[in-house]
Amino acid sequence: MKYQIGKTGRVVVARLEDGEDIIKNIIDMAKKETIRSAVFYLIGGIRYGKIVVGPEKEELPPIPVWREIRESTEVLGIGTIFWQGDEPKVHFHGAFGKRDVVKVGCLREVSETFLILEAIIIEIEGIHAQRKFDPSSGLTLLEL
């Protein structure tokens, strides 16, 4: 295990409006505010999104299993922001549920807020971490 110790920096409370792209807005805010390392929480509604619910098999590189959210759905989850080169990269895992159907997965690509989504972003100062492409897994992974 590798680790670093940092401290809490700025805390951002954001409200995403109906129809706004969730991942894009988090990335845009991280760029605008130059937030290089952070943890964030999301709670609210999502109308559309693509999530990865695991690999097909436990092998490298993993073949993702995709699921789509196609209607208003509750979301609750946690993510991180670390940069890859000149761009912030978001990694978010959440629980997505409607009625008796709940999916847990990694939100990727395009996503759309339903009604309102609250984001609490907690900046981490003193951490020198970044995302780098790992050829063996085919994923962009955290490097400390």
N, C-alpha and C. Protein backbone atom coordinates (compact mmCIF):
# COMPACT_ATOMS: atom_id res chain seq x y z
N MET A 1 0.85 -1.18 0.00
CA MET A 1 0.00 0.00 0.00
C MET A 1 0.89 1.23 0.00
N LYS A 2 0.48 2.21 -0.78
CA LYS A 2 1.14 3.51 -0.80
C LYS A 2 0.13 4.53 -0.30
N TYR A 3 0.60 5.51 0.47
CA TYR A 3 -0.32 6.54 0.93
C TYR A 3 0.41 7.83 1.21
N GLN A 4 -0.37 8.90 1.25
CA GLN A 4 0.08 10.23 1.62
C GLN A 4 -0.92 10.81 2.60
N ILE A 5 -0.49 11.78 3.38
CA ILE A 5 -1.38 12.42 4.33
C ILE A 5 -1.53 13.89 3.94
N GLY A 6 -2.76 14.32 3.86
CA GLY A 6 -3.06 15.71 3.52
C GLY A 6 -3.98 16.31 4.56
N LYS A 7 -4.52 17.46 4.21
CA LYS A 7 -5.47 18.11 5.10
C LYS A 7 -6.60 18.70 4.27
N THR A 8 -7.70 18.97 4.94
CA THR A 8 -8.87 19.50 4.27
C THR A 8 -8.61 20.93 3.81
N GLY A 9 -8.97 21.18 2.56
CA GLY A 9 -8.88 22.52 2.00
C GLY A 9 -10.27 23.13 1.93
N ARG A 10 -10.58 23.72 0.78
CA ARG A 10 -11.89 24.34 0.58
C ARG A 10 -12.99 23.27 0.53
N VAL A 11 -14.18 23.68 0.90
CA VAL A 11 -15.35 22.82 0.79
C VAL A 11 -16.34 23.54 -0.13
N VAL A 12 -16.77 22.84 -1.16
CA VAL A 12 -17.68 23.41 -2.15
C VAL A 12 -19.03 22.70 -2.03
N VAL A 13 -20.08 23.46 -1.97
CA VAL A 13 -21.43 22.92 -2.02
C VAL A 13 -22.03 23.39 -3.35
N ALA A 14 -22.45 22.44 -4.18
CA ALA A 14 -22.97 22.77 -5.50
C ALA A 14 -24.34 22.14 -5.71
N ARG A 15 -25.14 22.80 -6.51
CA ARG A 15 -26.46 22.30 -6.87
C ARG A 15 -26.49 22.18 -8.38
N LEU A 16 -26.66 20.95 -8.86
CA LEU A 16 -26.81 20.73 -10.29
C LEU A 16 -28.29 20.74 -10.61
N GLU A 17 -28.64 21.44 -11.67
CA GLU A 17 -30.03 21.62 -12.06
C GLU A 17 -30.48 20.52 -13.02
N ASP A 18 -31.78 20.41 -13.17
CA ASP A 18 -32.39 19.43 -14.06
C ASP A 18 -31.77 19.51 -15.46
N GLY A 19 -31.32 18.36 -15.96
CA GLY A 19 -30.77 18.26 -17.30
C GLY A 19 -29.28 18.47 -17.39
N GLU A 20 -28.63 18.95 -16.34
CA GLU A 20 -27.19 19.21 -16.40
C GLU A 20 -26.40 17.90 -16.36
N ASP A 21 -25.28 17.87 -17.07
CA ASP A 21 -24.39 16.71 -17.11
C ASP A 21 -23.58 16.68 -15.81
N ILE A 22 -23.70 15.60 -15.08
CA ILE A 22 -23.10 15.49 -13.75
C ILE A 22 -21.58 15.49 -13.82
N ILE A 23 -20.99 14.55 -14.53
CA ILE A 23 -19.53 14.43 -14.58
C ILE A 23 -18.91 15.68 -15.19
N LYS A 24 -19.48 16.17 -16.28
CA LYS A 24 -18.95 17.37 -16.94
C LYS A 24 -18.93 18.56 -15.99
N ASN A 25 -20.00 18.75 -15.23
CA ASN A 25 -20.06 19.87 -14.30
C ASN A 25 -19.03 19.75 -13.18
N ILE A 26 -18.80 18.56 -12.66
CA ILE A 26 -17.78 18.37 -11.63
C ILE A 26 -16.40 18.68 -12.20
N ILE A 27 -16.13 18.19 -13.41
CA ILE A 27 -14.84 18.46 -14.08
C ILE A 27 -14.66 19.95 -14.32
N ASP A 28 -15.69 20.61 -14.87
CA ASP A 28 -15.60 22.05 -15.15
C ASP A 28 -15.34 22.85 -13.88
N MET A 29 -16.00 22.49 -12.78
CA MET A 29 -15.80 23.19 -11.53
C MET A 29 -14.38 22.98 -11.01
N ALA A 30 -13.87 21.74 -11.11
CA ALA A 30 -12.51 21.45 -10.65
C ALA A 30 -11.49 22.26 -11.46
N LYS A 31 -11.72 22.40 -12.76
CA LYS A 31 -10.84 23.24 -13.60
C LYS A 31 -10.90 24.69 -13.17
N LYS A 32 -12.12 25.22 -13.10
CA LYS A 32 -12.31 26.63 -12.77
C LYS A 32 -11.70 26.99 -11.43
N GLU A 33 -11.86 26.12 -10.44
CA GLU A 33 -11.38 26.39 -9.09
C GLU A 33 -9.99 25.80 -8.82
N THR A 34 -9.39 25.16 -9.82
CA THR A 34 -8.08 24.51 -9.71
C THR A 34 -8.03 23.59 -8.50
N ILE A 35 -9.00 22.71 -8.41
CA ILE A 35 -9.02 21.70 -7.36
C ILE A 35 -8.31 20.47 -7.90
N ARG A 36 -7.11 20.18 -7.38
CA ARG A 36 -6.25 19.12 -7.90
C ARG A 36 -6.52 17.76 -7.25
N SER A 37 -6.97 17.78 -6.02
CA SER A 37 -7.26 16.54 -5.27
C SER A 37 -8.49 16.78 -4.42
N ALA A 38 -9.45 15.87 -4.51
CA ALA A 38 -10.68 16.05 -3.73
C ALA A 38 -11.45 14.75 -3.62
N VAL A 39 -12.31 14.72 -2.64
CA VAL A 39 -13.33 13.68 -2.51
C VAL A 39 -14.67 14.40 -2.62
N PHE A 40 -15.66 13.75 -3.21
CA PHE A 40 -16.96 14.39 -3.30
C PHE A 40 -18.08 13.38 -3.10
N TYR A 41 -19.20 13.92 -2.66
CA TYR A 41 -20.40 13.14 -2.41
C TYR A 41 -21.52 13.70 -3.29
N LEU A 42 -22.33 12.81 -3.84
CA LEU A 42 -23.50 13.22 -4.61
C LEU A 42 -24.74 12.60 -4.00
N ILE A 43 -25.82 13.39 -3.98
CA ILE A 43 -27.11 12.90 -3.53
C ILE A 43 -28.19 13.63 -4.31
N GLY A 44 -29.15 12.88 -4.82
CA GLY A 44 -30.23 13.50 -5.57
C GLY A 44 -30.76 12.58 -6.63
N GLY A 45 -31.03 13.16 -7.80
CA GLY A 45 -31.66 12.40 -8.87
C GLY A 45 -30.86 12.43 -10.16
N ILE A 46 -30.94 11.33 -10.89
CA ILE A 46 -30.31 11.21 -12.19
C ILE A 46 -31.37 10.72 -13.17
N ARG A 47 -31.37 11.28 -14.36
CA ARG A 47 -32.35 10.90 -15.38
C ARG A 47 -31.75 9.93 -16.37
N TYR A 48 -30.48 10.13 -16.69
CA TYR A 48 -29.82 9.29 -17.67
C TYR A 48 -28.35 9.15 -17.29
N GLY A 49 -27.81 7.97 -17.52
CA GLY A 49 -26.38 7.76 -17.30
C GLY A 49 -25.99 6.36 -17.72
N LYS A 50 -24.70 6.19 -17.89
CA LYS A 50 -24.13 4.87 -18.17
C LYS A 50 -23.23 4.50 -17.01
N ILE A 51 -23.42 3.28 -16.50
CA ILE A 51 -22.60 2.82 -15.38
C ILE A 51 -21.96 1.48 -15.72
N VAL A 52 -20.79 1.28 -15.16
CA VAL A 52 -20.11 -0.01 -15.25
C VAL A 52 -20.39 -0.75 -13.96
N VAL A 53 -20.91 -1.97 -14.08
CA VAL A 53 -21.32 -2.76 -12.91
C VAL A 53 -20.37 -3.93 -12.64
N GLY A 54 -19.20 -3.88 -13.24
CA GLY A 54 -18.20 -4.90 -12.99
C GLY A 54 -17.59 -5.40 -14.28
N PRO A 55 -16.53 -6.17 -14.17
CA PRO A 55 -15.93 -6.77 -15.36
C PRO A 55 -16.65 -8.08 -15.71
N GLU A 56 -16.57 -8.44 -16.99
CA GLU A 56 -17.11 -9.74 -17.44
C GLU A 56 -16.46 -10.88 -16.67
N LYS A 57 -15.12 -10.84 -16.58
CA LYS A 57 -14.34 -11.86 -15.87
C LYS A 57 -13.23 -11.17 -15.10
N GLU A 58 -12.67 -11.88 -14.14
CA GLU A 58 -11.56 -11.34 -13.36
C GLU A 58 -10.27 -11.54 -14.12
N GLU A 59 -10.09 -10.74 -15.18
CA GLU A 59 -8.88 -10.83 -16.00
C GLU A 59 -8.50 -9.43 -16.47
N LEU A 60 -7.23 -9.29 -16.86
CA LEU A 60 -6.74 -8.01 -17.36
C LEU A 60 -6.47 -8.09 -18.85
N PRO A 61 -6.80 -7.06 -19.60
CA PRO A 61 -7.59 -5.92 -19.15
C PRO A 61 -9.05 -6.32 -18.97
N PRO A 62 -9.72 -5.69 -18.02
CA PRO A 62 -11.12 -6.06 -17.76
C PRO A 62 -12.04 -5.63 -18.90
N ILE A 63 -13.04 -6.44 -19.17
CA ILE A 63 -14.07 -6.08 -20.15
C ILE A 63 -15.26 -5.61 -19.32
N PRO A 64 -15.61 -4.30 -19.42
CA PRO A 64 -16.67 -3.77 -18.57
C PRO A 64 -18.07 -4.27 -18.93
N VAL A 65 -18.89 -4.44 -17.92
CA VAL A 65 -20.31 -4.74 -18.09
C VAL A 65 -21.06 -3.42 -17.90
N TRP A 66 -21.73 -2.95 -18.94
CA TRP A 66 -22.41 -1.66 -18.94
C TRP A 66 -23.90 -1.82 -18.64
N ARG A 67 -24.45 -0.85 -17.94
CA ARG A 67 -25.88 -0.73 -17.74
C ARG A 67 -26.24 0.74 -17.96
N GLU A 68 -27.46 0.97 -18.42
CA GLU A 68 -27.93 2.34 -18.62
C GLU A 68 -29.04 2.68 -17.64
N ILE A 69 -29.02 3.92 -17.20
CA ILE A 69 -30.11 4.49 -16.43
C ILE A 69 -30.90 5.31 -17.44
N ARG A 70 -32.19 5.00 -17.57
CA ARG A 70 -32.99 5.62 -18.63
C ARG A 70 -34.22 6.35 -18.12
N GLU A 71 -34.34 6.49 -16.80
CA GLU A 71 -35.48 7.21 -16.25
C GLU A 71 -35.07 7.80 -14.90
N SER A 72 -35.91 8.65 -14.36
CA SER A 72 -35.59 9.28 -13.08
C SER A 72 -35.25 8.21 -12.04
N THR A 73 -34.10 8.39 -11.39
CA THR A 73 -33.56 7.41 -10.46
C THR A 73 -32.85 8.14 -9.33
N GLU A 74 -32.97 7.63 -8.14
CA GLU A 74 -32.23 8.19 -7.00
C GLU A 74 -30.76 7.80 -7.10
N VAL A 75 -29.88 8.69 -6.64
CA VAL A 75 -28.45 8.38 -6.65
C VAL A 75 -27.83 8.87 -5.34
N LEU A 76 -26.91 8.07 -4.84
CA LEU A 76 -26.13 8.39 -3.65
C LEU A 76 -24.77 7.78 -3.85
N GLY A 77 -23.70 8.56 -3.70
CA GLY A 77 -22.39 7.97 -3.90
C GLY A 77 -21.24 8.88 -3.55
N ILE A 78 -20.05 8.35 -3.80
CA ILE A 78 -18.80 9.02 -3.46
C ILE A 78 -17.84 8.93 -4.64
N GLY A 79 -17.06 9.99 -4.80
CA GLY A 79 -16.10 10.01 -5.89
C GLY A 79 -14.83 10.75 -5.51
N THR A 80 -13.89 10.71 -6.42
CA THR A 80 -12.64 11.44 -6.23
C THR A 80 -12.33 12.26 -7.48
N ILE A 81 -11.52 13.29 -7.27
CA ILE A 81 -11.00 14.11 -8.36
C ILE A 81 -9.48 14.13 -8.22
N PHE A 82 -8.79 13.67 -9.25
CA PHE A 82 -7.35 13.79 -9.36
C PHE A 82 -7.06 14.09 -10.83
N TRP A 83 -6.01 14.79 -11.10
CA TRP A 83 -5.73 15.22 -12.47
C TRP A 83 -4.87 14.21 -13.22
N GLN A 84 -5.09 14.18 -14.52
CA GLN A 84 -4.24 13.44 -15.45
C GLN A 84 -3.72 14.48 -16.43
N GLY A 85 -2.46 14.84 -16.30
CA GLY A 85 -1.91 15.91 -17.12
C GLY A 85 -2.60 17.23 -16.79
N ASP A 86 -3.18 17.85 -17.81
CA ASP A 86 -3.83 19.15 -17.65
C ASP A 86 -5.34 19.05 -17.42
N GLU A 87 -5.85 17.87 -17.18
CA GLU A 87 -7.29 17.68 -17.04
C GLU A 87 -7.65 16.95 -15.74
N PRO A 88 -8.68 17.44 -15.04
CA PRO A 88 -9.17 16.70 -13.88
C PRO A 88 -9.93 15.46 -14.35
N LYS A 89 -9.73 14.36 -13.64
CA LYS A 89 -10.44 13.11 -13.92
C LYS A 89 -11.28 12.76 -12.71
N VAL A 90 -12.52 12.41 -12.97
CA VAL A 90 -13.47 12.07 -11.92
C VAL A 90 -13.69 10.57 -11.90
N HIS A 91 -13.69 10.00 -10.70
CA HIS A 91 -14.00 8.59 -10.50
C HIS A 91 -15.13 8.54 -9.48
N PHE A 92 -16.31 8.07 -9.91
CA PHE A 92 -17.48 8.11 -9.05
C PHE A 92 -18.18 6.76 -9.03
N HIS A 93 -18.43 6.24 -7.84
CA HIS A 93 -19.22 5.03 -7.66
C HIS A 93 -20.44 5.38 -6.85
N GLY A 94 -21.59 4.86 -7.29
CA GLY A 94 -22.81 5.20 -6.60
C GLY A 94 -23.82 4.06 -6.62
N ALA A 95 -24.84 4.25 -5.81
CA ALA A 95 -26.00 3.37 -5.81
C ALA A 95 -27.11 4.13 -6.53
N PHE A 96 -27.74 3.46 -7.48
CA PHE A 96 -28.76 4.06 -8.32
C PHE A 96 -30.02 3.22 -8.18
N GLY A 97 -31.10 3.81 -7.70
CA GLY A 97 -32.28 3.00 -7.44
C GLY A 97 -33.59 3.67 -7.78
N LYS A 98 -34.54 2.83 -8.18
CA LYS A 98 -35.93 3.25 -8.40
C LYS A 98 -36.81 2.07 -8.06
N ARG A 99 -37.83 2.35 -7.28
CA ARG A 99 -38.73 1.30 -6.80
C ARG A 99 -37.90 0.22 -6.09
N ASP A 100 -37.99 -1.02 -6.53
CA ASP A 100 -37.26 -2.12 -5.88
C ASP A 100 -36.00 -2.52 -6.64
N VAL A 101 -35.61 -1.73 -7.62
CA VAL A 101 -34.43 -2.07 -8.43
C VAL A 101 -33.30 -1.12 -8.06
N VAL A 102 -32.19 -1.70 -7.60
CA VAL A 102 -31.01 -0.92 -7.23
C VAL A 102 -29.81 -1.47 -7.97
N LYS A 103 -29.04 -0.56 -8.55
CA LYS A 103 -27.78 -0.92 -9.22
C LYS A 103 -26.67 -0.16 -8.52
N VAL A 104 -25.52 -0.77 -8.44
CA VAL A 104 -24.34 -0.10 -7.91
C VAL A 104 -23.28 -0.17 -8.98
N GLY A 105 -22.66 0.99 -9.26
CA GLY A 105 -21.65 0.97 -10.31
C GLY A 105 -20.91 2.28 -10.43
N CYS A 106 -20.04 2.31 -11.43
CA CYS A 106 -19.16 3.45 -11.72
C CYS A 106 -19.79 4.26 -12.85
N LEU A 107 -20.18 5.50 -12.55
CA LEU A 107 -20.80 6.37 -13.54
C LEU A 107 -19.73 6.86 -14.51
N ARG A 108 -19.96 6.65 -15.81
CA ARG A 108 -19.00 7.06 -16.84
C ARG A 108 -19.74 7.69 -18.00
N GLU A 109 -18.99 8.42 -18.78
CA GLU A 109 -19.49 9.05 -20.00
C GLU A 109 -20.54 10.11 -19.69
N VAL A 110 -21.62 10.13 -20.45
CA VAL A 110 -22.65 11.16 -20.32
C VAL A 110 -23.61 10.82 -19.19
N SER A 111 -24.03 11.83 -18.46
CA SER A 111 -25.02 11.64 -17.40
C SER A 111 -25.87 12.89 -17.33
N GLU A 112 -27.09 12.74 -16.82
CA GLU A 112 -28.01 13.87 -16.80
C GLU A 112 -28.77 13.90 -15.47
N THR A 113 -28.74 15.06 -14.84
CA THR A 113 -29.42 15.28 -13.58
C THR A 113 -30.94 15.24 -13.76
N PHE A 114 -31.63 14.64 -12.80
CA PHE A 114 -33.08 14.73 -12.73
C PHE A 114 -33.43 15.65 -11.57
N LEU A 115 -34.15 16.69 -11.86
CA LEU A 115 -34.63 17.67 -10.89
C LEU A 115 -33.49 18.42 -10.20
N ILE A 116 -32.81 17.78 -9.27
CA ILE A 116 -31.71 18.42 -8.55
C ILE A 116 -30.72 17.36 -8.06
N LEU A 117 -29.47 17.74 -8.06
CA LEU A 117 -28.42 16.87 -7.51
C LEU A 117 -27.52 17.75 -6.67
N GLU A 118 -27.30 17.34 -5.44
CA GLU A 118 -26.41 18.10 -4.55
C GLU A 118 -25.04 17.45 -4.56
N ALA A 119 -24.01 18.29 -4.64
CA ALA A 119 -22.63 17.82 -4.61
C ALA A 119 -21.90 18.54 -3.48
N ILE A 120 -21.21 17.77 -2.66
CA ILE A 120 -20.35 18.32 -1.62
C ILE A 120 -18.94 17.89 -1.99
N ILE A 121 -18.08 18.86 -2.29
CA ILE A 121 -16.71 18.58 -2.74
C ILE A 121 -15.75 19.06 -1.66
N ILE A 122 -14.90 18.17 -1.19
CA ILE A 122 -13.94 18.49 -0.14
C ILE A 122 -12.54 18.38 -0.72
N GLU A 123 -11.90 19.52 -0.86
CA GLU A 123 -10.55 19.58 -1.41
C GLU A 123 -9.56 18.97 -0.41
N ILE A 124 -8.57 18.26 -0.94
CA ILE A 124 -7.51 17.68 -0.10
C ILE A 124 -6.21 18.37 -0.46
N GLU A 125 -5.63 19.07 0.50
CA GLU A 125 -4.37 19.79 0.30
C GLU A 125 -3.19 18.94 0.75
N GLY A 126 -2.05 19.12 0.10
CA GLY A 126 -0.83 18.43 0.50
C GLY A 126 -0.69 17.04 -0.09
N ILE A 127 -1.56 16.67 -1.00
CA ILE A 127 -1.49 15.38 -1.67
C ILE A 127 -0.94 15.60 -3.07
N HIS A 128 0.05 14.81 -3.43
CA HIS A 128 0.64 14.89 -4.77
C HIS A 128 0.34 13.58 -5.49
N ALA A 129 -0.87 13.49 -5.97
CA ALA A 129 -1.34 12.29 -6.64
C ALA A 129 -1.82 12.69 -8.03
N GLN A 130 -1.83 11.72 -8.92
CA GLN A 130 -2.32 11.96 -10.27
C GLN A 130 -2.84 10.66 -10.85
N ARG A 131 -3.56 10.79 -11.93
CA ARG A 131 -4.03 9.62 -12.65
C ARG A 131 -3.10 9.38 -13.83
N LYS A 132 -2.77 8.11 -14.04
CA LYS A 132 -1.92 7.73 -15.17
C LYS A 132 -2.50 6.48 -15.83
N PHE A 133 -2.35 6.42 -17.14
CA PHE A 133 -2.81 5.26 -17.87
C PHE A 133 -1.94 4.06 -17.54
N ASP A 134 -2.58 2.93 -17.21
CA ASP A 134 -1.90 1.69 -16.90
C ASP A 134 -2.14 0.72 -18.06
N PRO A 135 -1.11 0.42 -18.86
CA PRO A 135 -1.32 -0.42 -20.04
C PRO A 135 -1.78 -1.85 -19.71
N SER A 136 -1.39 -2.41 -18.57
CA SER A 136 -1.77 -3.80 -18.27
C SER A 136 -3.27 -3.93 -17.96
N SER A 137 -3.86 -2.88 -17.33
CA SER A 137 -5.29 -2.94 -17.02
C SER A 137 -6.13 -2.21 -18.07
N GLY A 138 -5.49 -1.33 -18.83
CA GLY A 138 -6.22 -0.53 -19.80
C GLY A 138 -7.01 0.60 -19.14
N LEU A 139 -6.72 0.87 -17.87
CA LEU A 139 -7.46 1.88 -17.10
C LEU A 139 -6.54 3.02 -16.70
N THR A 140 -7.16 4.15 -16.41
CA THR A 140 -6.42 5.29 -15.86
C THR A 140 -6.51 5.19 -14.34
N LEU A 141 -5.38 4.90 -13.70
CA LEU A 141 -5.37 4.59 -12.27
C LEU A 141 -4.67 5.69 -11.46
N LEU A 142 -4.98 5.72 -10.18
CA LEU A 142 -4.37 6.66 -9.26
C LEU A 142 -2.92 6.27 -9.01
N GLU A 143 -2.05 7.28 -9.07
CA GLU A 143 -0.63 7.07 -8.76
C GLU A 143 -0.23 8.05 -7.66
N LEU A 144 0.39 7.50 -6.62
CA LEU A 144 0.87 8.33 -5.51
C LEU A 144 2.38 8.48 -5.60
